[in-house]
Structures are given as structure tokens and as C-alpha cells.
Amino acid sequence: MPGQQKRKRSRERAHRRAAAVRGHWEPLFSTQEHGEMKEYVRRLHAERSVDPECVRIDQFCGRTIHPSTYRVSVFVPEAPA
């Protein structure tokens, strides 16, 4: 499949980065509207308050009863002890 090696290397780099820095993902925003989520992320980037590499967007797929939900989270590193 085209691009499979590139995706695999990208995932491996992300895992190594995550293992190097300890911390947790803190949810910032949750909505059921895709446009609302995109506007929120756009605003975060415009304000430069959060590093783009520290932002994660999760999509929880819904079914007929539960609609899809989008959640924007930011990575918060642990304070050195």
C-alpha cells in the first residue's frame, strides 16, 4: 500500500517523543459540530497559545442514537520533581 512505510515511521517517531516526555492529555474543548471544532483549533493557532504539536483531535464516531463528537486536547508535561 502506498505511503505505508512513511506512516509507520511517523507513528514510531510520535511514540518515541511521547516516551521521552512524561505527561498527560487534558481536554480543552468538546463539540458535536465539525465546523465549531475547526474554528476552535484555528483560534488556538492564531493566538499561538499552544504548540501545534501538542494538540490532539479525537473523533468519537457515533451511530444513529449517539451523534459523532469531536474533542480537542492539549498535552501537559509533568513538572520535574
C-alpha atoms as a PDB file:
ATOM      1  CA  MET A   1       0.000   0.000   0.000  1.00  0.00           C
ATOM      2  CA  PRO A   2       1.495   3.391  -0.950  1.00  0.00           C
ATOM      3  CA  GLY A   3       2.730   5.514   1.926  1.00  0.00           C
ATOM      4  CA  GLN A   4       2.605   2.705   4.481  1.00  0.00           C
ATOM      5  CA  GLN A   5       6.314   2.989   5.372  1.00  0.00           C
ATOM      6  CA  LYS A   6       6.001   6.748   5.834  1.00  0.00           C
ATOM      7  CA  ARG A   7       3.004   6.374   8.167  1.00  0.00           C
ATOM      8  CA  LYS A   8       4.791   3.680  10.145  1.00  0.00           C
ATOM      9  CA  ARG A   9       7.896   5.846  10.622  1.00  0.00           C
ATOM     10  CA  SER A  10       5.717   8.790  11.613  1.00  0.00           C
ATOM     11  CA  ARG A  11       3.917   6.706  14.256  1.00  0.00           C
ATOM     12  CA  GLU A  12       7.237   5.400  15.582  1.00  0.00           C
ATOM     13  CA  ARG A  13       8.624   8.945  15.910  1.00  0.00           C
ATOM     14  CA  ALA A  14       5.476  10.031  17.753  1.00  0.00           C
ATOM     15  CA  HIS A  15       5.789   7.102  20.173  1.00  0.00           C
ATOM     16  CA  ARG A  16       9.448   7.921  20.858  1.00  0.00           C
ATOM     17  CA  ARG A  17       8.581  11.592  21.506  1.00  0.00           C
ATOM     18  CA  ALA A  18       5.767  10.603  23.848  1.00  0.00           C
ATOM     19  CA  ALA A  19       8.029   8.219  25.751  1.00  0.00           C
ATOM     20  CA  ALA A  20      10.724  10.887  26.160  1.00  0.00           C
ATOM     21  CA  VAL A  21       8.400  13.407  27.843  1.00  0.00           C
ATOM     22  CA  ARG A  22       6.091  12.323  30.626  1.00  0.00           C
ATOM     23  CA  GLY A  23       2.707  13.988  30.955  1.00  0.00           C
ATOM     24  CA  HIS A  24      -0.993  13.647  30.155  1.00  0.00           C
ATOM     25  CA  TRP A  25      -3.593  14.851  27.647  1.00  0.00           C
ATOM     26  CA  GLU A  26      -6.001  17.435  29.057  1.00  0.00           C
ATOM     27  CA  PRO A  27      -9.298  18.021  27.203  1.00  0.00           C
ATOM     28  CA  LEU A  28      -9.888  21.656  26.248  1.00  0.00           C
ATOM     29  CA  PHE A  29     -12.993  21.602  24.092  1.00  0.00           C
ATOM     30  CA  SER A  30     -15.699  19.142  23.060  1.00  0.00           C
ATOM     31  CA  THR A  31     -18.471  19.558  20.479  1.00  0.00           C
ATOM     32  CA  GLN A  32     -20.666  17.666  18.035  1.00  0.00           C
ATOM     33  CA  GLU A  33     -20.177  20.266  15.278  1.00  0.00           C
ATOM     34  CA  HIS A  34     -17.194  19.806  12.949  1.00  0.00           C
ATOM     35  CA  GLY A  35     -17.116  23.485  11.948  1.00  0.00           C
ATOM     36  CA  GLU A  36     -17.119  24.583  15.577  1.00  0.00           C
ATOM     37  CA  MET A  37     -14.164  22.317  16.329  1.00  0.00           C
ATOM     38  CA  LYS A  38     -12.203  23.607  13.309  1.00  0.00           C
ATOM     39  CA  GLU A  39     -12.845  27.220  14.344  1.00  0.00           C
ATOM     40  CA  TYR A  40     -11.624  26.495  17.890  1.00  0.00           C
ATOM     41  CA  VAL A  41      -8.387  24.894  16.604  1.00  0.00           C
ATOM     42  CA  ARG A  42      -7.899  27.777  14.159  1.00  0.00           C
ATOM     43  CA  ARG A  43      -8.263  30.236  17.052  1.00  0.00           C
ATOM     44  CA  LEU A  44      -5.698  28.306  19.133  1.00  0.00           C
ATOM     45  CA  HIS A  45      -3.174  28.507  16.296  1.00  0.00           C
ATOM     46  CA  ALA A  46      -3.897  32.215  15.685  1.00  0.00           C
ATOM     47  CA  GLU A  47      -3.384  33.089  19.357  1.00  0.00           C
ATOM     48  CA  ARG A  48      -0.205  30.973  19.416  1.00  0.00           C
ATOM     49  CA  SER A  49      -1.125  29.941  22.956  1.00  0.00           C
ATOM     50  CA  VAL A  50      -0.497  26.243  22.274  1.00  0.00           C
ATOM     51  CA  ASP A  51       2.210  24.481  20.254  1.00  0.00           C
ATOM     52  CA  PRO A  52       0.538  22.749  17.248  1.00  0.00           C
ATOM     53  CA  GLU A  53       2.442  19.517  18.012  1.00  0.00           C
ATOM     54  CA  CYS A  54       0.855  19.411  21.477  1.00  0.00           C
ATOM     55  CA  VAL A  55      -2.734  19.464  20.174  1.00  0.00           C
ATOM     56  CA  ARG A  56      -4.697  16.268  19.613  1.00  0.00           C
ATOM     57  CA  ILE A  57      -8.119  15.977  17.962  1.00  0.00           C
ATOM     58  CA  ASP A  58     -10.194  12.905  18.756  1.00  0.00           C
ATOM     59  CA  GLN A  59     -13.315  11.939  16.850  1.00  0.00           C
ATOM     60  CA  PHE A  60     -15.708   9.633  18.629  1.00  0.00           C
ATOM     61  CA  CYS A  61     -17.844   8.072  15.921  1.00  0.00           C
ATOM     62  CA  GLY A  62     -21.499   7.903  16.689  1.00  0.00           C
ATOM     63  CA  ARG A  63     -24.297   5.722  15.455  1.00  0.00           C
ATOM     64  CA  THR A  64     -27.933   6.515  14.864  1.00  0.00           C
ATOM     65  CA  ILE A  65     -28.605   7.072  18.583  1.00  0.00           C
ATOM     66  CA  HIS A  66     -25.384   8.914  19.543  1.00  0.00           C
ATOM     67  CA  PRO A  67     -24.004  11.619  17.199  1.00  0.00           C
ATOM     68  CA  SER A  68     -20.283  11.920  16.453  1.00  0.00           C
ATOM     69  CA  THR A  69     -18.324  14.000  18.945  1.00  0.00           C
ATOM     70  CA  TYR A  70     -15.054  15.897  18.485  1.00  0.00           C
ATOM     71  CA  ARG A  71     -12.668  16.580  21.376  1.00  0.00           C
ATOM     72  CA  VAL A  72      -9.621  18.856  21.320  1.00  0.00           C
ATOM     73  CA  SER A  73      -6.942  18.028  23.894  1.00  0.00           C
ATOM     74  CA  VAL A  74      -3.567  19.537  24.744  1.00  0.00           C
ATOM     75  CA  PHE A  75      -0.509  17.693  26.075  1.00  0.00           C
ATOM     76  CA  VAL A  76       0.527  18.857  29.556  1.00  0.00           C
ATOM     77  CA  PRO A  77       4.050  17.726  30.527  1.00  0.00           C
ATOM     78  CA  GLU A  78       4.691  16.723  34.133  1.00  0.00           C
ATOM     79  CA  ALA A  79       6.659  19.170  36.243  1.00  0.00           C
ATOM     80  CA  PRO A  80      10.181  17.982  37.056  1.00  0.00           C
ATOM     81  CA  ALA A  81      10.438  16.708  40.620  1.00  0.00           C
END
